[in-house]
PDB file of all heavy atoms in Angstrom:
ATOM      1  N   GLU A   1       0.802  -1.229   0.000  1.00  0.00           N
ATOM      2  CA  GLU A   1      -0.011   0.019   0.028  1.00  0.00           C
ATOM      3  C   GLU A   1       0.852   1.316  -0.016  1.00  0.00           C
ATOM      4  O   GLU A   1       0.427   2.307  -0.387  1.00  0.00           O
ATOM      5  CB  GLU A   1      -0.870  -0.002   1.251  1.00  0.00           C
ATOM      6  CG  GLU A   1      -1.979  -1.164   1.180  1.00  0.00           C
ATOM      7  CD  GLU A   1      -2.784  -1.041   2.409  1.00  0.00           C
ATOM      8  OE1 GLU A   1      -2.611  -0.215   3.337  1.00  0.00           O
ATOM      9  OE2 GLU A   1      -3.681  -1.970   2.538  1.00  0.00           O
ATOM     10  N   ARG A   2       2.111   1.140   0.454  1.00  0.00           N
ATOM     11  CA  ARG A   2       2.948   2.297   0.546  1.00  0.00           C
ATOM     12  C   ARG A   2       4.033   2.480  -0.500  1.00  0.00           C
ATOM     13  O   ARG A   2       4.445   3.615  -0.801  1.00  0.00           O
ATOM     14  CB  ARG A   2       3.625   2.361   1.969  1.00  0.00           C
ATOM     15  CG  ARG A   2       2.555   2.833   3.012  1.00  0.00           C
ATOM     16  CD  ARG A   2       2.674   2.052   4.337  1.00  0.00           C
ATOM     17  NE  ARG A   2       1.588   2.392   5.274  1.00  0.00           N
ATOM     18  CZ  ARG A   2       0.397   1.805   5.271  1.00  0.00           C
ATOM     19  NH1 ARG A   2       0.255   0.706   4.397  1.00  0.00           N
ATOM     20  NH2 ARG A   2      -0.550   2.173   6.016  1.00  0.00           N
ATOM     21  N   VAL A   3       4.524   1.338  -1.069  1.00  0.00           N
ATOM     22  CA  VAL A   3       5.576   1.456  -2.057  1.00  0.00           C
ATOM     23  C   VAL A   3       5.174   0.856  -3.390  1.00  0.00           C
ATOM     24  O   VAL A   3       5.962   0.931  -4.316  1.00  0.00           O
ATOM     25  CB  VAL A   3       6.869   0.751  -1.502  1.00  0.00           C
ATOM     26  CG1 VAL A   3       7.394   1.398  -0.244  1.00  0.00           C
ATOM     27  CG2 VAL A   3       6.662  -0.734  -1.306  1.00  0.00           C
ATOM     28  N   GLY A   4       4.043   0.177  -3.389  1.00  0.00           N
ATOM     29  CA  GLY A   4       3.549  -0.498  -4.644  1.00  0.00           C
ATOM     30  C   GLY A   4       4.011  -1.889  -4.729  1.00  0.00           C
ATOM     31  O   GLY A   4       4.951  -2.361  -4.097  1.00  0.00           O
ATOM     32  N   ALA A   5       3.212  -2.601  -5.590  1.00  0.00           N
ATOM     33  CA  ALA A   5       3.489  -4.045  -5.694  1.00  0.00           C
ATOM     34  C   ALA A   5       4.912  -4.411  -6.248  1.00  0.00           C
ATOM     35  O   ALA A   5       5.502  -5.410  -5.825  1.00  0.00           O
ATOM     36  CB  ALA A   5       2.427  -4.663  -6.616  1.00  0.00           C
ATOM     37  N   GLU A   6       5.444  -3.591  -7.096  1.00  0.00           N
ATOM     38  CA  GLU A   6       6.771  -3.906  -7.727  1.00  0.00           C
ATOM     39  C   GLU A   6       7.850  -3.770  -6.753  1.00  0.00           C
ATOM     40  O   GLU A   6       8.884  -4.475  -6.788  1.00  0.00           O
ATOM     41  CB  GLU A   6       6.943  -2.984  -8.949  1.00  0.00           C
ATOM     42  CG  GLU A   6       6.043  -3.262 -10.123  1.00  0.00           C
ATOM     43  CD  GLU A   6       6.456  -2.345 -11.378  1.00  0.00           C
ATOM     44  OE1 GLU A   6       7.378  -1.525 -11.198  1.00  0.00           O
ATOM     45  OE2 GLU A   6       5.763  -2.491 -12.399  1.00  0.00           O
ATOM     46  N   LYS A   7       7.716  -2.928  -5.746  1.00  0.00           N
ATOM     47  CA  LYS A   7       8.733  -2.679  -4.788  1.00  0.00           C
ATOM     48  C   LYS A   7       8.595  -3.440  -3.496  1.00  0.00           C
ATOM     49  O   LYS A   7       9.412  -3.469  -2.598  1.00  0.00           O
ATOM     50  CB  LYS A   7       8.904  -1.194  -4.529  1.00  0.00           C
ATOM     51  CG  LYS A   7       9.374  -0.351  -5.640  1.00  0.00           C
ATOM     52  CD  LYS A   7       9.470   1.126  -5.246  1.00  0.00           C
ATOM     53  CE  LYS A   7       9.895   2.037  -6.443  1.00  0.00           C
ATOM     54  NZ  LYS A   7      10.180   3.478  -5.963  1.00  0.00           N
ATOM     55  N   LYS A   8       7.360  -4.028  -3.403  1.00  0.00           N
ATOM     56  CA  LYS A   8       6.997  -4.731  -2.133  1.00  0.00           C
ATOM     57  C   LYS A   8       8.016  -5.781  -1.693  1.00  0.00           C
ATOM     58  O   LYS A   8       8.421  -5.786  -0.485  1.00  0.00           O
ATOM     59  CB  LYS A   8       5.620  -5.232  -2.278  1.00  0.00           C
ATOM     60  CG  LYS A   8       5.138  -6.051  -1.080  1.00  0.00           C
ATOM     61  CD  LYS A   8       5.254  -7.642  -1.409  1.00  0.00           C
ATOM     62  CE  LYS A   8       4.461  -8.002  -2.586  1.00  0.00           C
ATOM     63  NZ  LYS A   8       4.474  -9.415  -2.936  1.00  0.00           N
ATOM     64  N   ASP A   9       8.415  -6.616  -2.508  1.00  0.00           N
ATOM     65  CA  ASP A   9       9.304  -7.718  -2.108  1.00  0.00           C
ATOM     66  C   ASP A   9      10.641  -7.269  -1.663  1.00  0.00           C
ATOM     67  O   ASP A   9      11.070  -7.722  -0.645  1.00  0.00           O
ATOM     68  CB  ASP A   9       9.463  -8.751  -3.253  1.00  0.00           C
ATOM     69  CG  ASP A   9       8.175  -9.508  -3.579  1.00  0.00           C
ATOM     70  OD1 ASP A   9       7.274  -9.622  -2.748  1.00  0.00           O
ATOM     71  OD2 ASP A   9       8.117 -10.067  -4.696  1.00  0.00           O
ATOM     72  N   GLY A  10      11.206  -6.313  -2.368  1.00  0.00           N
ATOM     73  CA  GLY A  10      12.491  -5.713  -1.963  1.00  0.00           C
ATOM     74  C   GLY A  10      12.380  -5.024  -0.637  1.00  0.00           C
ATOM     75  O   GLY A  10      13.182  -5.112   0.213  1.00  0.00           O
ATOM     76  N   ALA A  11      11.236  -4.231  -0.418  1.00  0.00           N
ATOM     77  CA  ALA A  11      11.000  -3.598   0.833  1.00  0.00           C
ATOM     78  C   ALA A  11      10.937  -4.606   2.013  1.00  0.00           C
ATOM     79  O   ALA A  11      11.541  -4.385   3.072  1.00  0.00           O
ATOM     80  CB  ALA A  11       9.784  -2.691   0.695  1.00  0.00           C
ATOM     81  N   TRP A  12      10.202  -5.624   1.817  1.00  0.00           N
ATOM     82  CA  TRP A  12       9.926  -6.593   2.951  1.00  0.00           C
ATOM     83  C   TRP A  12      11.261  -7.330   3.236  1.00  0.00           C
ATOM     84  O   TRP A  12      11.660  -7.550   4.378  1.00  0.00           O
ATOM     85  CB  TRP A  12       8.883  -7.513   2.590  1.00  0.00           C
ATOM     86  CG  TRP A  12       8.623  -8.637   3.537  1.00  0.00           C
ATOM     87  CD1 TRP A  12       8.354 -10.012   3.114  1.00  0.00           C
ATOM     88  CD2 TRP A  12       8.612  -8.666   4.919  1.00  0.00           C
ATOM     89  NE1 TRP A  12       8.103 -10.700   4.290  1.00  0.00           N
ATOM     90  CE2 TRP A  12       8.349  -9.979   5.393  1.00  0.00           C
ATOM     91  CE3 TRP A  12       8.884  -7.650   5.910  1.00  0.00           C
ATOM     92  CZ2 TRP A  12       8.264 -10.310   6.713  1.00  0.00           C
ATOM     93  CZ3 TRP A  12       8.823  -7.971   7.216  1.00  0.00           C
ATOM     94  CH2 TRP A  12       8.498  -9.305   7.600  1.00  0.00           C
ATOM     95  N   TRP A  13      12.023  -7.680   2.137  1.00  0.00           N
ATOM     96  CA  TRP A  13      13.333  -8.353   2.361  1.00  0.00           C
ATOM     97  C   TRP A  13      14.242  -7.510   3.225  1.00  0.00           C
ATOM     98  O   TRP A  13      15.024  -8.021   4.052  1.00  0.00           O
ATOM     99  CB  TRP A  13      13.895  -8.641   0.998  1.00  0.00           C
ATOM    100  CG  TRP A  13      15.167  -9.501   1.073  1.00  0.00           C
ATOM    101  CD1 TRP A  13      15.190 -10.895   1.089  1.00  0.00           C
ATOM    102  CD2 TRP A  13      16.522  -9.122   1.119  1.00  0.00           C
ATOM    103  NE1 TRP A  13      16.462 -11.391   1.207  1.00  0.00           N
ATOM    104  CE2 TRP A  13      17.331 -10.196   1.179  1.00  0.00           C
ATOM    105  CE3 TRP A  13      17.165  -7.836   1.145  1.00  0.00           C
ATOM    106  CZ2 TRP A  13      18.745 -10.223   1.259  1.00  0.00           C
ATOM    107  CZ3 TRP A  13      18.565  -7.825   1.092  1.00  0.00           C
ATOM    108  CH2 TRP A  13      19.308  -8.975   1.312  1.00  0.00           C
ATOM    109  N   GLY A  14      14.282  -6.220   3.004  1.00  0.00           N
ATOM    110  CA  GLY A  14      15.140  -5.350   3.797  1.00  0.00           C
ATOM    111  C   GLY A  14      14.666  -5.009   5.150  1.00  0.00           C
ATOM    112  O   GLY A  14      15.395  -5.171   6.098  1.00  0.00           O
ATOM    113  N   LEU A  15      13.336  -4.708   5.334  1.00  0.00           N
ATOM    114  CA  LEU A  15      12.804  -4.336   6.549  1.00  0.00           C
ATOM    115  C   LEU A  15      12.708  -5.395   7.577  1.00  0.00           C
ATOM    116  O   LEU A  15      12.680  -5.208   8.796  1.00  0.00           O
ATOM    117  CB  LEU A  15      11.433  -3.634   6.345  1.00  0.00           C
ATOM    118  CG  LEU A  15      11.496  -2.184   5.849  1.00  0.00           C
ATOM    119  CD1 LEU A  15      10.147  -1.750   5.438  1.00  0.00           C
ATOM    120  CD2 LEU A  15      12.143  -1.284   6.866  1.00  0.00           C
ATOM    121  N   ARG A  16      12.644  -6.667   7.203  1.00  0.00           N
ATOM    122  CA  ARG A  16      12.519  -7.764   8.101  1.00  0.00           C
ATOM    123  C   ARG A  16      13.742  -7.800   9.086  1.00  0.00           C
ATOM    124  O   ARG A  16      13.653  -8.384  10.191  1.00  0.00           O
ATOM    125  CB  ARG A  16      12.297  -9.074   7.393  1.00  0.00           C
ATOM    126  CG  ARG A  16      13.412  -9.732   6.674  1.00  0.00           C
ATOM    127  CD  ARG A  16      13.000 -11.004   6.099  1.00  0.00           C
ATOM    128  NE  ARG A  16      12.053 -10.850   5.008  1.00  0.00           N
ATOM    129  CZ  ARG A  16      11.311 -11.776   4.489  1.00  0.00           C
ATOM    130  NH1 ARG A  16      11.412 -12.988   4.881  1.00  0.00           N
ATOM    131  NH2 ARG A  16      10.564 -11.486   3.440  1.00  0.00           N
ATOM    132  N   SER A  17      14.920  -7.347   8.529  1.00  0.00           N
ATOM    133  CA  SER A  17      16.117  -7.329   9.378  1.00  0.00           C
ATOM    134  C   SER A  17      16.326  -5.850   9.984  1.00  0.00           C
ATOM    135  O   SER A  17      16.780  -5.764  11.126  1.00  0.00           O
ATOM    136  CB  SER A  17      17.390  -7.632   8.600  1.00  0.00           C
ATOM    137  OG  SER A  17      17.353  -9.024   8.140  1.00  0.00           O
ATOM    138  N   TYR A  18      15.929  -4.831   9.243  1.00  0.00           N
ATOM    139  CA  TYR A  18      16.194  -3.498   9.634  1.00  0.00           C
ATOM    140  C   TYR A  18      15.320  -3.098  10.797  1.00  0.00           C
ATOM    141  O   TYR A  18      15.755  -2.377  11.708  1.00  0.00           O
ATOM    142  CB  TYR A  18      15.920  -2.620   8.401  1.00  0.00           C
ATOM    143  CG  TYR A  18      15.965  -1.153   8.599  1.00  0.00           C
ATOM    144  CD1 TYR A  18      17.182  -0.462   8.284  1.00  0.00           C
ATOM    145  CD2 TYR A  18      14.907  -0.364   9.030  1.00  0.00           C
ATOM    146  CE1 TYR A  18      17.331   0.889   8.382  1.00  0.00           C
ATOM    147  CE2 TYR A  18      15.076   1.034   9.138  1.00  0.00           C
ATOM    148  CZ  TYR A  18      16.254   1.637   8.782  1.00  0.00           C
ATOM    149  OH  TYR A  18      16.370   3.038   8.988  1.00  0.00           O
ATOM    150  N   ALA A  19      14.074  -3.521  10.772  1.00  0.00           N
ATOM    151  CA  ALA A  19      13.085  -3.272  11.828  1.00  0.00           C
ATOM    152  C   ALA A  19      13.149  -4.200  12.968  1.00  0.00           C
ATOM    153  O   ALA A  19      13.357  -5.430  12.825  1.00  0.00           O
ATOM    154  CB  ALA A  19      11.742  -3.100  11.295  1.00  0.00           C
ATOM    155  N   PRO A  20      13.022  -3.780  14.242  1.00  0.00           N
ATOM    156  CA  PRO A  20      13.092  -4.753  15.359  1.00  0.00           C
ATOM    157  C   PRO A  20      11.898  -5.509  15.579  1.00  0.00           C
ATOM    158  O   PRO A  20      10.811  -5.055  16.156  1.00  0.00           O
ATOM    159  CB  PRO A  20      13.343  -3.740  16.546  1.00  0.00           C
ATOM    160  CG  PRO A  20      12.859  -2.484  16.152  1.00  0.00           C
ATOM    161  CD  PRO A  20      12.969  -2.377  14.681  1.00  0.00           C
ATOM    162  N   LEU A  21      11.809  -6.746  14.882  1.00  0.00           N
ATOM    163  CA  LEU A  21      10.660  -7.595  14.963  1.00  0.00           C
ATOM    164  C   LEU A  21      11.050  -8.859  15.686  1.00  0.00           C
ATOM    165  O   LEU A  21      12.227  -9.332  15.557  1.00  0.00           O
ATOM    166  CB  LEU A  21      10.179  -8.044  13.536  1.00  0.00           C
ATOM    167  CG  LEU A  21       9.739  -6.910  12.607  1.00  0.00           C
ATOM    168  CD1 LEU A  21       9.416  -7.505  11.212  1.00  0.00           C
ATOM    169  CD2 LEU A  21       8.455  -6.293  13.141  1.00  0.00           C
ATOM    170  N   VAL A  22      10.151  -9.528  16.494  1.00  0.00           N
ATOM    171  CA  VAL A  22      10.406 -10.801  17.066  1.00  0.00           C
ATOM    172  C   VAL A  22       9.340 -11.728  16.616  1.00  0.00           C
ATOM    173  O   VAL A  22       8.258 -11.311  16.178  1.00  0.00           O
ATOM    174  CB  VAL A  22      10.457 -10.616  18.619  1.00  0.00           C
ATOM    175  CG1 VAL A  22      11.537  -9.811  19.089  1.00  0.00           C
ATOM    176  CG2 VAL A  22       9.150 -10.270  19.194  1.00  0.00           C
ATOM    177  N   HIS A  23       9.660 -13.054  16.615  1.00  0.00           N
ATOM    178  CA  HIS A  23       8.758 -13.995  16.120  1.00  0.00           C
ATOM    179  C   HIS A  23       7.731 -14.415  17.291  1.00  0.00           C
ATOM    180  O   HIS A  23       8.144 -14.403  18.391  1.00  0.00           O
ATOM    181  CB  HIS A  23       9.495 -15.313  15.672  1.00  0.00           C
ATOM    182  CG  HIS A  23      10.261 -15.032  14.352  1.00  0.00           C
ATOM    183  ND1 HIS A  23      10.104 -15.958  13.315  1.00  0.00           N
ATOM    184  CD2 HIS A  23      11.088 -14.115  13.961  1.00  0.00           C
ATOM    185  CE1 HIS A  23      10.941 -15.503  12.375  1.00  0.00           C
ATOM    186  NE2 HIS A  23      11.474 -14.407  12.705  1.00  0.00           N
ATOM    187  N   VAL A  24       6.580 -14.748  16.870  1.00  0.00           N
ATOM    188  CA  VAL A  24       5.522 -15.128  17.751  1.00  0.00           C
ATOM    189  C   VAL A  24       5.282 -16.636  17.578  1.00  0.00           C
ATOM    190  O   VAL A  24       5.276 -17.078  16.364  1.00  0.00           O
ATOM    191  CB  VAL A  24       4.217 -14.347  17.401  1.00  0.00           C
ATOM    192  CG1 VAL A  24       3.064 -14.872  18.357  1.00  0.00           C
ATOM    193  CG2 VAL A  24       4.457 -12.896  17.711  1.00  0.00           C
ATOM    194  N   PRO A  25       5.223 -17.374  18.659  1.00  0.00           N
ATOM    195  CA  PRO A  25       4.950 -18.826  18.514  1.00  0.00           C
ATOM    196  C   PRO A  25       3.697 -19.143  17.625  1.00  0.00           C
ATOM    197  O   PRO A  25       2.664 -18.400  17.731  1.00  0.00           O
ATOM    198  CB  PRO A  25       4.781 -19.389  19.908  1.00  0.00           C
ATOM    199  CG  PRO A  25       5.552 -18.386  20.784  1.00  0.00           C
ATOM    200  CD  PRO A  25       5.374 -17.069  20.108  1.00  0.00           C
ATOM    201  N   THR A  26       3.817 -20.107  16.763  1.00  0.00           N
ATOM    202  CA  THR A  26       2.772 -20.364  15.857  1.00  0.00           C
ATOM    203  C   THR A  26       2.226 -21.860  15.948  1.00  0.00           C
ATOM    204  O   THR A  26       1.414 -22.271  15.221  1.00  0.00           O
ATOM    205  CB  THR A  26       3.248 -20.209  14.377  1.00  0.00           C
ATOM    206  OG1 THR A  26       4.455 -20.895  14.176  1.00  0.00           O
ATOM    207  CG2 THR A  26       3.420 -18.695  14.037  1.00  0.00           C
ATOM    208  N   GLY A  27       2.741 -22.517  17.008  1.00  0.00           N
ATOM    209  CA  GLY A  27       2.356 -23.882  17.147  1.00  0.00           C
ATOM    210  C   GLY A  27       3.334 -24.904  16.579  1.00  0.00           C
ATOM    211  O   GLY A  27       4.519 -24.620  16.330  1.00  0.00           O
ATOM    212  N   GLY A  28       2.821 -26.148  16.317  1.00  0.00           N
ATOM    213  CA  GLY A  28       3.783 -27.167  15.819  1.00  0.00           C
ATOM    214  C   GLY A  28       4.548 -27.813  17.013  1.00  0.00           C
ATOM    215  O   GLY A  28       4.457 -27.330  18.145  1.00  0.00           O
ATOM    216  N   PRO A  29       5.323 -28.789  16.707  1.00  0.00           N
ATOM    217  CA  PRO A  29       6.050 -29.536  17.797  1.00  0.00           C
ATOM    218  C   PRO A  29       7.082 -28.700  18.442  1.00  0.00           C
ATOM    219  O   PRO A  29       7.386 -28.984  19.590  1.00  0.00           O
ATOM    220  CB  PRO A  29       6.614 -30.692  17.064  1.00  0.00           C
ATOM    221  CG  PRO A  29       6.826 -30.354  15.596  1.00  0.00           C
ATOM    222  CD  PRO A  29       5.659 -29.433  15.329  1.00  0.00           C
ATOM    223  N   TRP A  30       7.572 -27.604  17.852  1.00  0.00           N
ATOM    224  CA  TRP A  30       8.706 -26.838  18.386  1.00  0.00           C
ATOM    225  C   TRP A  30       8.355 -25.400  18.535  1.00  0.00           C
ATOM    226  O   TRP A  30       9.169 -24.494  18.451  1.00  0.00           O
ATOM    227  CB  TRP A  30      10.031 -27.049  17.610  1.00  0.00           C
ATOM    228  CG  TRP A  30      10.282 -28.506  17.207  1.00  0.00           C
ATOM    229  CD1 TRP A  30      10.169 -29.097  16.031  1.00  0.00           C
ATOM    230  CD2 TRP A  30      10.776 -29.503  18.208  1.00  0.00           C
ATOM    231  NE1 TRP A  30      10.589 -30.393  16.102  1.00  0.00           N
ATOM    232  CE2 TRP A  30      10.899 -30.663  17.406  1.00  0.00           C
ATOM    233  CE3 TRP A  30      11.067 -29.487  19.519  1.00  0.00           C
ATOM    234  CZ2 TRP A  30      11.419 -31.903  18.004  1.00  0.00           C
ATOM    235  CZ3 TRP A  30      11.634 -30.665  20.082  1.00  0.00           C
ATOM    236  CH2 TRP A  30      11.752 -31.813  19.358  1.00  0.00           C
ATOM    237  N   SER A  31       7.137 -25.070  18.867  1.00  0.00           N
ATOM    238  CA  SER A  31       6.633 -23.735  19.020  1.00  0.00           C
ATOM    239  C   SER A  31       6.556 -22.815  17.792  1.00  0.00           C
ATOM    240  O   SER A  31       5.630 -22.022  17.699  1.00  0.00           O
ATOM    241  CB  SER A  31       7.497 -22.959  20.053  1.00  0.00           C
ATOM    242  OG  SER A  31       7.291 -23.396  21.420  1.00  0.00           O
ATOM    243  N   PHE A  32       7.487 -23.049  16.865  1.00  0.00           N
ATOM    244  CA  PHE A  32       7.433 -22.168  15.650  1.00  0.00           C
ATOM    245  C   PHE A  32       7.376 -23.186  14.435  1.00  0.00           C
ATOM    246  O   PHE A  32       8.065 -24.160  14.426  1.00  0.00           O
ATOM    247  CB  PHE A  32       8.684 -21.385  15.559  1.00  0.00           C
ATOM    248  CG  PHE A  32       8.900 -20.408  16.756  1.00  0.00           C
ATOM    249  CD1 PHE A  32       9.633 -20.758  17.806  1.00  0.00           C
ATOM    250  CD2 PHE A  32       8.273 -19.169  16.748  1.00  0.00           C
ATOM    251  CE1 PHE A  32       9.740 -19.899  18.893  1.00  0.00           C
ATOM    252  CE2 PHE A  32       8.449 -18.314  17.838  1.00  0.00           C
ATOM    253  CZ  PHE A  32       9.207 -18.665  18.911  1.00  0.00           C
ATOM    254  N   GLU A  33       6.594 -22.673  13.462  1.00  0.00           N
ATOM    255  CA  GLU A  33       6.495 -23.456  12.215  1.00  0.00           C
ATOM    256  C   GLU A  33       7.315 -22.629  11.182  1.00  0.00           C
ATOM    257  O   GLU A  33       7.912 -21.541  11.439  1.00  0.00           O
ATOM    258  CB  GLU A  33       5.150 -23.608  11.812  1.00  0.00           C
ATOM    259  CG  GLU A  33       4.362 -24.530  12.708  1.00  0.00           C
ATOM    260  CD  GLU A  33       2.919 -24.697  12.443  1.00  0.00           C
ATOM    261  OE1 GLU A  33       2.154 -23.680  12.270  1.00  0.00           O
ATOM    262  OE2 GLU A  33       2.432 -25.876  12.288  1.00  0.00           O
ATOM    263  N   TYR A  34       7.389 -23.085   9.937  1.00  0.00           N
ATOM    264  CA  TYR A  34       8.180 -22.498   8.951  1.00  0.00           C
ATOM    265  C   TYR A  34       7.586 -21.177   8.368  1.00  0.00           C
ATOM    266  O   TYR A  34       8.233 -20.386   7.737  1.00  0.00           O
ATOM    267  CB  TYR A  34       8.582 -23.443   7.807  1.00  0.00           C
ATOM    268  CG  TYR A  34       9.606 -24.447   8.271  1.00  0.00           C
ATOM    269  CD1 TYR A  34       9.216 -25.712   8.664  1.00  0.00           C
ATOM    270  CD2 TYR A  34      10.971 -24.144   8.320  1.00  0.00           C
ATOM    271  CE1 TYR A  34      10.127 -26.645   9.172  1.00  0.00           C
ATOM    272  CE2 TYR A  34      11.914 -24.959   8.767  1.00  0.00           C
ATOM    273  CZ  TYR A  34      11.548 -26.249   9.184  1.00  0.00           C
ATOM    274  OH  TYR A  34      12.432 -27.205   9.590  1.00  0.00           O
ATOM    275  N   ALA A  35       6.206 -21.072   8.529  1.00  0.00           N
ATOM    276  CA  ALA A  35       5.514 -19.818   8.087  1.00  0.00           C
ATOM    277  C   ALA A  35       5.539 -18.876   9.336  1.00  0.00           C
ATOM    278  O   ALA A  35       4.743 -19.101  10.311  1.00  0.00           O
ATOM    279  CB  ALA A  35       4.159 -20.095   7.631  1.00  0.00           C
ATOM    280  N   PRO A  36       6.383 -17.858   9.505  1.00  0.00           N
ATOM    281  CA  PRO A  36       6.537 -17.099  10.660  1.00  0.00           C
ATOM    282  C   PRO A  36       5.373 -16.174  10.893  1.00  0.00           C
ATOM    283  O   PRO A  36       4.744 -15.633   9.981  1.00  0.00           O
ATOM    284  CB  PRO A  36       7.867 -16.398  10.467  1.00  0.00           C
ATOM    285  CG  PRO A  36       8.037 -16.239   9.020  1.00  0.00           C
ATOM    286  CD  PRO A  36       7.369 -17.471   8.361  1.00  0.00           C
ATOM    287  N   SER A  37       5.312 -15.739  12.167  1.00  0.00           N
ATOM    288  CA  SER A  37       4.372 -14.638  12.548  1.00  0.00           C
ATOM    289  C   SER A  37       5.272 -13.656  13.402  1.00  0.00           C
ATOM    290  O   SER A  37       6.051 -14.150  14.192  1.00  0.00           O
ATOM    291  CB  SER A  37       3.271 -15.167  13.361  1.00  0.00           C
ATOM    292  OG  SER A  37       2.370 -14.139  13.759  1.00  0.00           O
ATOM    293  N   TYR A  38       5.086 -12.367  13.235  1.00  0.00           N
ATOM    294  CA  TYR A  38       5.971 -11.277  13.847  1.00  0.00           C
ATOM    295  C   TYR A  38       5.096 -10.372  14.715  1.00  0.00           C
ATOM    296  O   TYR A  38       3.949 -10.217  14.394  1.00  0.00           O
ATOM    297  CB  TYR A  38       6.605 -10.566  12.807  1.00  0.00           C
ATOM    298  CG  TYR A  38       7.388 -11.311  11.697  1.00  0.00           C
ATOM    299  CD1 TYR A  38       6.743 -11.688  10.606  1.00  0.00           C
ATOM    300  CD2 TYR A  38       8.747 -11.567  11.839  1.00  0.00           C
ATOM    301  CE1 TYR A  38       7.409 -12.395   9.586  1.00  0.00           C
ATOM    302  CE2 TYR A  38       9.432 -12.264  10.857  1.00  0.00           C
ATOM    303  CZ  TYR A  38       8.782 -12.711   9.754  1.00  0.00           C
ATOM    304  OH  TYR A  38       9.519 -13.384   8.715  1.00  0.00           O
ATOM    305  N   ILE A  39       5.822  -9.830  15.629  1.00  0.00           N
ATOM    306  CA  ILE A  39       5.328  -8.600  16.366  1.00  0.00           C
ATOM    307  C   ILE A  39       6.457  -7.746  16.626  1.00  0.00           C
ATOM    308  O   ILE A  39       7.678  -8.159  16.688  1.00  0.00           O
ATOM    309  CB  ILE A  39       4.622  -9.064  17.641  1.00  0.00           C
ATOM    310  CG1 ILE A  39       3.612  -7.970  18.153  1.00  0.00           C
ATOM    311  CG2 ILE A  39       5.568  -9.525  18.703  1.00  0.00           C
ATOM    312  CD1 ILE A  39       2.674  -8.459  19.146  1.00  0.00           C
TER     313      ILE A  39
END
């Protein structure tokens, strides 16, 4: 919604490390599955 569909993947690839996000448990045998959830 802010950078457009063409720039979205690059923006998310960078911001997932740049911004302070932590993972939220999603279930499965080891608390986290391969599809992450963030806060």
